[in-house]
PDB file of all heavy atoms in Angstrom:
ATOM      1  N   GLU A   1       0.856  -1.177   0.038  1.00  0.00           N
ATOM      2  CA  GLU A   1       0.058  -0.005   0.001  1.00  0.00           C
ATOM      3  C   GLU A   1       0.930   1.310  -0.021  1.00  0.00           C
ATOM      4  O   GLU A   1       1.803   1.377   0.852  1.00  0.00           O
ATOM      5  CB  GLU A   1      -0.895  -0.020   1.208  1.00  0.00           C
ATOM      6  CG  GLU A   1      -1.923   1.038   1.248  1.00  0.00           C
ATOM      7  CD  GLU A   1      -2.849   0.862   2.451  1.00  0.00           C
ATOM      8  OE1 GLU A   1      -2.471   1.222   3.646  1.00  0.00           O
ATOM      9  OE2 GLU A   1      -3.962   0.343   2.318  1.00  0.00           O
ATOM     10  N   PHE A   2       0.696   2.127  -0.970  1.00  0.00           N
ATOM     11  CA  PHE A   2       1.434   3.367  -1.024  1.00  0.00           C
ATOM     12  C   PHE A   2       0.673   4.418  -0.182  1.00  0.00           C
ATOM     13  O   PHE A   2      -0.402   4.819  -0.509  1.00  0.00           O
ATOM     14  CB  PHE A   2       1.511   3.955  -2.496  1.00  0.00           C
ATOM     15  CG  PHE A   2       2.259   3.007  -3.445  1.00  0.00           C
ATOM     16  CD1 PHE A   2       2.183   3.198  -4.822  1.00  0.00           C
ATOM     17  CD2 PHE A   2       3.095   1.984  -2.889  1.00  0.00           C
ATOM     18  CE1 PHE A   2       2.903   2.403  -5.611  1.00  0.00           C
ATOM     19  CE2 PHE A   2       3.810   1.194  -3.779  1.00  0.00           C
ATOM     20  CZ  PHE A   2       3.704   1.335  -5.132  1.00  0.00           C
ATOM     21  N   ARG A   3       1.272   4.776   0.978  1.00  0.00           N
ATOM     22  CA  ARG A   3       0.602   5.766   1.818  1.00  0.00           C
ATOM     23  C   ARG A   3       1.533   6.948   2.014  1.00  0.00           C
ATOM     24  O   ARG A   3       2.782   6.858   1.962  1.00  0.00           O
ATOM     25  CB  ARG A   3       0.541   5.219   3.240  1.00  0.00           C
ATOM     26  CG  ARG A   3      -0.384   3.937   3.440  1.00  0.00           C
ATOM     27  CD  ARG A   3      -0.456   3.598   4.863  1.00  0.00           C
ATOM     28  NE  ARG A   3      -0.684   2.092   5.022  1.00  0.00           N
ATOM     29  CZ  ARG A   3      -0.357   1.428   6.062  1.00  0.00           C
ATOM     30  NH1 ARG A   3       0.318   2.071   7.122  1.00  0.00           N
ATOM     31  NH2 ARG A   3      -0.537   0.103   6.164  1.00  0.00           N
ATOM     32  N   TYR A   4       0.916   8.108   2.279  1.00  0.00           N
ATOM     33  CA  TYR A   4       1.674   9.363   2.439  1.00  0.00           C
ATOM     34  C   TYR A   4       2.139   9.433   3.875  1.00  0.00           C
ATOM     35  O   TYR A   4       1.377   9.254   4.772  1.00  0.00           O
ATOM     36  CB  TYR A   4       0.817  10.578   2.123  1.00  0.00           C
ATOM     37  CG  TYR A   4       1.650  11.861   1.816  1.00  0.00           C
ATOM     38  CD1 TYR A   4       2.346  12.005   0.598  1.00  0.00           C
ATOM     39  CD2 TYR A   4       1.727  12.822   2.812  1.00  0.00           C
ATOM     40  CE1 TYR A   4       3.096  13.073   0.365  1.00  0.00           C
ATOM     41  CE2 TYR A   4       2.530  13.952   2.578  1.00  0.00           C
ATOM     42  CZ  TYR A   4       3.155  14.099   1.335  1.00  0.00           C
ATOM     43  OH  TYR A   4       3.901  15.255   1.143  1.00  0.00           O
ATOM     44  N   SER A   5       3.391   9.588   4.029  1.00  0.00           N
ATOM     45  CA  SER A   5       3.984   9.633   5.392  1.00  0.00           C
ATOM     46  C   SER A   5       5.159  10.644   5.443  1.00  0.00           C
ATOM     47  O   SER A   5       6.127  10.498   4.578  1.00  0.00           O
ATOM     48  CB  SER A   5       4.563   8.201   5.719  1.00  0.00           C
ATOM     49  OG  SER A   5       5.093   8.296   7.040  1.00  0.00           O
ATOM     50  N   GLY A   6       5.056  11.596   6.303  1.00  0.00           N
ATOM     51  CA  GLY A   6       6.154  12.588   6.369  1.00  0.00           C
ATOM     52  C   GLY A   6       5.867  13.582   5.185  1.00  0.00           C
ATOM     53  O   GLY A   6       4.910  14.251   5.037  1.00  0.00           O
ATOM     54  N   ASN A   7       6.921  13.525   4.253  1.00  0.00           N
ATOM     55  CA  ASN A   7       6.720  14.431   3.030  1.00  0.00           C
ATOM     56  C   ASN A   7       6.677  13.654   1.754  1.00  0.00           C
ATOM     57  O   ASN A   7       6.997  14.197   0.699  1.00  0.00           O
ATOM     58  CB  ASN A   7       7.899  15.457   3.111  1.00  0.00           C
ATOM     59  CG  ASN A   7       9.214  14.729   2.944  1.00  0.00           C
ATOM     60  OD1 ASN A   7       9.298  13.477   3.067  1.00  0.00           O
ATOM     61  ND2 ASN A   7      10.262  15.480   2.788  1.00  0.00           N
ATOM     62  N   ARG A   8       6.409  12.338   1.797  1.00  0.00           N
ATOM     63  CA  ARG A   8       6.377  11.572   0.597  1.00  0.00           C
ATOM     64  C   ARG A   8       5.553  10.293   0.781  1.00  0.00           C
ATOM     65  O   ARG A   8       5.242   9.874   1.822  1.00  0.00           O
ATOM     66  CB  ARG A   8       7.779  11.177   0.095  1.00  0.00           C
ATOM     67  CG  ARG A   8       8.600  10.412   1.133  1.00  0.00           C
ATOM     68  CD  ARG A   8      10.092  10.257   0.656  1.00  0.00           C
ATOM     69  NE  ARG A   8      10.166   9.401  -0.548  1.00  0.00           N
ATOM     70  CZ  ARG A   8      10.483   9.902  -1.688  1.00  0.00           C
ATOM     71  NH1 ARG A   8      10.644  11.233  -1.954  1.00  0.00           N
ATOM     72  NH2 ARG A   8      10.616   9.097  -2.770  1.00  0.00           N
ATOM     73  N   PHE A   9       5.276   9.587  -0.332  1.00  0.00           N
ATOM     74  CA  PHE A   9       4.608   8.359  -0.313  1.00  0.00           C
ATOM     75  C   PHE A   9       5.610   7.156   0.023  1.00  0.00           C
ATOM     76  O   PHE A   9       6.775   7.242  -0.578  1.00  0.00           O
ATOM     77  CB  PHE A   9       3.893   8.053  -1.631  1.00  0.00           C
ATOM     78  CG  PHE A   9       2.628   8.770  -1.815  1.00  0.00           C
ATOM     79  CD1 PHE A   9       2.582   9.972  -2.486  1.00  0.00           C
ATOM     80  CD2 PHE A   9       1.389   8.222  -1.325  1.00  0.00           C
ATOM     81  CE1 PHE A   9       1.442  10.663  -2.638  1.00  0.00           C
ATOM     82  CE2 PHE A   9       0.201   8.969  -1.424  1.00  0.00           C
ATOM     83  CZ  PHE A   9       0.252  10.133  -2.121  1.00  0.00           C
ATOM     84  N   LYS A  10       5.217   6.207   0.725  1.00  0.00           N
ATOM     85  CA  LYS A  10       6.011   5.086   1.065  1.00  0.00           C
ATOM     86  C   LYS A  10       5.251   3.791   0.943  1.00  0.00           C
ATOM     87  O   LYS A  10       4.080   3.769   1.034  1.00  0.00           O
ATOM     88  CB  LYS A  10       6.693   5.175   2.481  1.00  0.00           C
ATOM     89  CG  LYS A  10       7.488   6.448   2.733  1.00  0.00           C
ATOM     90  CD  LYS A  10       7.933   6.507   4.202  1.00  0.00           C
ATOM     91  CE  LYS A  10       8.781   7.825   4.448  1.00  0.00           C
ATOM     92  NZ  LYS A  10       9.217   7.875   5.849  1.00  0.00           N
ATOM     93  N   SER A  11       6.006   2.676   0.788  1.00  0.00           N
ATOM     94  CA  SER A  11       5.327   1.329   0.627  1.00  0.00           C
ATOM     95  C   SER A  11       5.109   0.741   2.012  1.00  0.00           C
ATOM     96  O   SER A  11       6.149   0.592   2.722  1.00  0.00           O
ATOM     97  CB  SER A  11       6.177   0.446  -0.271  1.00  0.00           C
ATOM     98  OG  SER A  11       6.183   0.911  -1.586  1.00  0.00           O
ATOM     99  N   TYR A  12       3.966   0.280   2.280  1.00  0.00           N
ATOM    100  CA  TYR A  12       3.675  -0.333   3.555  1.00  0.00           C
ATOM    101  C   TYR A  12       2.969  -1.714   3.311  1.00  0.00           C
ATOM    102  O   TYR A  12       2.190  -1.926   2.435  1.00  0.00           O
ATOM    103  CB  TYR A  12       2.654   0.457   4.366  1.00  0.00           C
ATOM    104  CG  TYR A  12       3.250   1.741   5.004  1.00  0.00           C
ATOM    105  CD1 TYR A  12       3.317   2.904   4.292  1.00  0.00           C
ATOM    106  CD2 TYR A  12       3.820   1.658   6.287  1.00  0.00           C
ATOM    107  CE1 TYR A  12       3.869   4.080   4.830  1.00  0.00           C
ATOM    108  CE2 TYR A  12       4.344   2.864   6.810  1.00  0.00           C
ATOM    109  CZ  TYR A  12       4.446   4.063   6.109  1.00  0.00           C
ATOM    110  OH  TYR A  12       4.989   5.159   6.658  1.00  0.00           O
ATOM    111  N   ILE A  13       3.272  -2.699   4.218  1.00  0.00           N
ATOM    112  CA  ILE A  13       2.551  -4.002   4.197  1.00  0.00           C
ATOM    113  C   ILE A  13       1.275  -3.592   4.847  1.00  0.00           C
ATOM    114  O   ILE A  13       1.225  -3.199   5.991  1.00  0.00           O
ATOM    115  CB  ILE A  13       3.302  -5.040   4.987  1.00  0.00           C
ATOM    116  CG1 ILE A  13       4.700  -5.228   4.350  1.00  0.00           C
ATOM    117  CG2 ILE A  13       2.575  -6.257   5.023  1.00  0.00           C
ATOM    118  CD1 ILE A  13       5.661  -6.063   5.194  1.00  0.00           C
ATOM    119  N   PRO A  14       0.074  -3.930   4.203  1.00  0.00           N
ATOM    120  CA  PRO A  14      -1.169  -3.559   4.799  1.00  0.00           C
ATOM    121  C   PRO A  14      -1.613  -4.534   5.955  1.00  0.00           C
ATOM    122  O   PRO A  14      -1.039  -5.598   6.035  1.00  0.00           O
ATOM    123  CB  PRO A  14      -2.251  -3.710   3.591  1.00  0.00           C
ATOM    124  CG  PRO A  14      -1.482  -4.647   2.633  1.00  0.00           C
ATOM    125  CD  PRO A  14      -0.014  -4.355   2.793  1.00  0.00           C
ATOM    126  N   ASN A  15      -2.451  -4.068   6.719  1.00  0.00           N
ATOM    127  CA  ASN A  15      -2.919  -4.840   7.891  1.00  0.00           C
ATOM    128  C   ASN A  15      -3.496  -6.189   7.501  1.00  0.00           C
ATOM    129  O   ASN A  15      -3.370  -7.193   8.179  1.00  0.00           O
ATOM    130  CB  ASN A  15      -3.975  -4.094   8.666  1.00  0.00           C
ATOM    131  CG  ASN A  15      -3.462  -2.834   9.348  1.00  0.00           C
ATOM    132  OD1 ASN A  15      -2.240  -2.814   9.638  1.00  0.00           O
ATOM    133  ND2 ASN A  15      -4.302  -1.858   9.566  1.00  0.00           N
ATOM    134  N   SER A  16      -4.160  -6.262   6.262  1.00  0.00           N
ATOM    135  CA  SER A  16      -4.694  -7.572   5.874  1.00  0.00           C
ATOM    136  C   SER A  16      -3.643  -8.584   5.687  1.00  0.00           C
ATOM    137  O   SER A  16      -3.937  -9.816   5.968  1.00  0.00           O
ATOM    138  CB  SER A  16      -5.342  -7.355   4.489  1.00  0.00           C
ATOM    139  OG  SER A  16      -4.469  -6.858   3.530  1.00  0.00           O
ATOM    140  N   VAL A  17      -2.351  -8.265   5.386  1.00  0.00           N
ATOM    141  CA  VAL A  17      -1.328  -9.273   5.268  1.00  0.00           C
ATOM    142  C   VAL A  17      -0.970  -9.805   6.600  1.00  0.00           C
ATOM    143  O   VAL A  17      -0.710 -11.047   6.784  1.00  0.00           O
ATOM    144  CB  VAL A  17      -0.078  -8.567   4.570  1.00  0.00           C
ATOM    145  CG1 VAL A  17       1.098  -9.574   4.558  1.00  0.00           C
ATOM    146  CG2 VAL A  17      -0.393  -8.245   3.095  1.00  0.00           C
ATOM    147  N   PHE A  18      -0.936  -8.953   7.631  1.00  0.00           N
ATOM    148  CA  PHE A  18      -0.590  -9.382   9.008  1.00  0.00           C
ATOM    149  C   PHE A  18      -1.692 -10.453   9.426  1.00  0.00           C
ATOM    150  O   PHE A  18      -1.406 -11.434  10.098  1.00  0.00           O
ATOM    151  CB  PHE A  18      -0.612  -8.183  10.000  1.00  0.00           C
ATOM    152  CG  PHE A  18       0.619  -7.367   9.788  1.00  0.00           C
ATOM    153  CD1 PHE A  18       0.690  -6.381   8.879  1.00  0.00           C
ATOM    154  CD2 PHE A  18       1.736  -7.577  10.739  1.00  0.00           C
ATOM    155  CE1 PHE A  18       1.893  -5.568   8.732  1.00  0.00           C
ATOM    156  CE2 PHE A  18       2.872  -6.801  10.602  1.00  0.00           C
ATOM    157  CZ  PHE A  18       3.000  -5.767   9.593  1.00  0.00           C
ATOM    158  N   LYS A  19      -2.949 -10.118   9.146  1.00  0.00           N
ATOM    159  CA  LYS A  19      -4.033 -11.073   9.516  1.00  0.00           C
ATOM    160  C   LYS A  19      -3.844 -12.351   8.764  1.00  0.00           C
ATOM    161  O   LYS A  19      -4.042 -13.453   9.284  1.00  0.00           O
ATOM    162  CB  LYS A  19      -5.316 -10.431   9.146  1.00  0.00           C
ATOM    163  CG  LYS A  19      -5.742  -9.255  10.016  1.00  0.00           C
ATOM    164  CD  LYS A  19      -7.127  -8.705   9.665  1.00  0.00           C
ATOM    165  CE  LYS A  19      -7.478  -7.451  10.450  1.00  0.00           C
ATOM    166  NZ  LYS A  19      -8.745  -6.789  10.062  1.00  0.00           N
ATOM    167  N   THR A  20      -3.514 -12.335   7.438  1.00  0.00           N
ATOM    168  CA  THR A  20      -3.294 -13.462   6.638  1.00  0.00           C
ATOM    169  C   THR A  20      -2.185 -14.351   7.202  1.00  0.00           C
ATOM    170  O   THR A  20      -2.358 -15.640   7.320  1.00  0.00           O
ATOM    171  CB  THR A  20      -3.023 -13.105   5.207  1.00  0.00           C
ATOM    172  OG1 THR A  20      -4.085 -12.398   4.640  1.00  0.00           O
ATOM    173  CG2 THR A  20      -2.769 -14.362   4.338  1.00  0.00           C
ATOM    174  N   ILE A  21      -1.123 -13.842   7.647  1.00  0.00           N
ATOM    175  CA  ILE A  21       0.018 -14.535   8.150  1.00  0.00           C
ATOM    176  C   ILE A  21      -0.383 -15.230   9.439  1.00  0.00           C
ATOM    177  O   ILE A  21      -0.071 -16.401   9.638  1.00  0.00           O
ATOM    178  CB  ILE A  21       1.202 -13.661   8.361  1.00  0.00           C
ATOM    179  CG1 ILE A  21       1.795 -13.141   7.067  1.00  0.00           C
ATOM    180  CG2 ILE A  21       2.320 -14.362   9.146  1.00  0.00           C
ATOM    181  CD1 ILE A  21       2.926 -12.218   7.156  1.00  0.00           C
ATOM    182  N   ASN A  22      -1.073 -14.505  10.288  1.00  0.00           N
ATOM    183  CA  ASN A  22      -1.624 -15.107  11.580  1.00  0.00           C
ATOM    184  C   ASN A  22      -2.455 -16.253  11.323  1.00  0.00           C
ATOM    185  O   ASN A  22      -2.353 -17.342  12.065  1.00  0.00           O
ATOM    186  CB  ASN A  22      -2.276 -14.065  12.429  1.00  0.00           C
ATOM    187  CG  ASN A  22      -1.305 -13.264  13.304  1.00  0.00           C
ATOM    188  OD1 ASN A  22      -0.833 -13.803  14.277  1.00  0.00           O
ATOM    189  ND2 ASN A  22      -1.093 -12.010  12.960  1.00  0.00           N
ATOM    190  N   ASN A  23      -3.353 -16.190  10.330  1.00  0.00           N
ATOM    191  CA  ASN A  23      -4.232 -17.302  10.003  1.00  0.00           C
ATOM    192  C   ASN A  23      -3.485 -18.474   9.466  1.00  0.00           C
ATOM    193  O   ASN A  23      -3.785 -19.599   9.802  1.00  0.00           O
ATOM    194  CB  ASN A  23      -5.332 -16.788   8.953  1.00  0.00           C
ATOM    195  CG  ASN A  23      -6.288 -15.787   9.591  1.00  0.00           C
ATOM    196  OD1 ASN A  23      -6.477 -15.750  10.758  1.00  0.00           O
ATOM    197  ND2 ASN A  23      -6.952 -15.046   8.741  1.00  0.00           N
ATOM    198  N   LYS A  24      -2.521 -18.201   8.626  1.00  0.00           N
ATOM    199  CA  LYS A  24      -1.702 -19.309   8.032  1.00  0.00           C
ATOM    200  C   LYS A  24      -0.911 -20.116   9.126  1.00  0.00           C
ATOM    201  O   LYS A  24      -0.711 -21.274   9.086  1.00  0.00           O
ATOM    202  CB  LYS A  24      -0.610 -18.728   7.047  1.00  0.00           C
ATOM    203  CG  LYS A  24      -1.231 -18.446   5.674  1.00  0.00           C
ATOM    204  CD  LYS A  24      -0.161 -18.048   4.725  1.00  0.00           C
ATOM    205  CE  LYS A  24      -0.733 -17.834   3.355  1.00  0.00           C
ATOM    206  NZ  LYS A  24       0.397 -17.453   2.279  1.00  0.00           N
ATOM    207  N   LEU A  25      -0.418 -19.277  10.139  1.00  0.00           N
ATOM    208  CA  LEU A  25       0.419 -19.941  11.188  1.00  0.00           C
ATOM    209  C   LEU A  25      -0.469 -20.584  12.280  1.00  0.00           C
ATOM    210  O   LEU A  25       0.051 -21.467  13.042  1.00  0.00           O
ATOM    211  CB  LEU A  25       1.310 -18.869  11.820  1.00  0.00           C
ATOM    212  CG  LEU A  25       2.405 -18.282  10.823  1.00  0.00           C
ATOM    213  CD1 LEU A  25       3.251 -17.235  11.532  1.00  0.00           C
ATOM    214  CD2 LEU A  25       3.296 -19.437  10.314  1.00  0.00           C
ATOM    215  N   ASP A  26      -1.720 -20.157  12.364  1.00  0.00           N
ATOM    216  CA  ASP A  26      -2.530 -20.788  13.403  1.00  0.00           C
ATOM    217  C   ASP A  26      -2.664 -22.242  13.308  1.00  0.00           C
ATOM    218  O   ASP A  26      -2.969 -22.966  14.352  1.00  0.00           O
ATOM    219  CB  ASP A  26      -3.979 -20.137  13.393  1.00  0.00           C
ATOM    220  CG  ASP A  26      -3.965 -18.773  14.153  1.00  0.00           C
ATOM    221  OD1 ASP A  26      -3.076 -18.482  14.897  1.00  0.00           O
ATOM    222  OD2 ASP A  26      -4.954 -17.960  13.920  1.00  0.00           O
ATOM    223  N   ILE A  27      -2.598 -22.823  12.125  1.00  0.00           N
ATOM    224  CA  ILE A  27      -2.822 -24.243  11.969  1.00  0.00           C
ATOM    225  C   ILE A  27      -1.645 -25.073  12.606  1.00  0.00           C
ATOM    226  O   ILE A  27      -1.803 -26.266  12.708  1.00  0.00           O
ATOM    227  CB  ILE A  27      -2.980 -24.623  10.492  1.00  0.00           C
ATOM    228  CG1 ILE A  27      -1.595 -24.340   9.739  1.00  0.00           C
ATOM    229  CG2 ILE A  27      -4.028 -23.870   9.769  1.00  0.00           C
ATOM    230  CD1 ILE A  27      -1.565 -24.891   8.311  1.00  0.00           C
TER     231      ILE A  27
END
């Protein structure tokens, strides 16, 4: 996700990916 932070856009891993990883590891 390209989000504006400080004085420019930066690439961020979105919250949905964190949830996906947790679901994958829960098994």
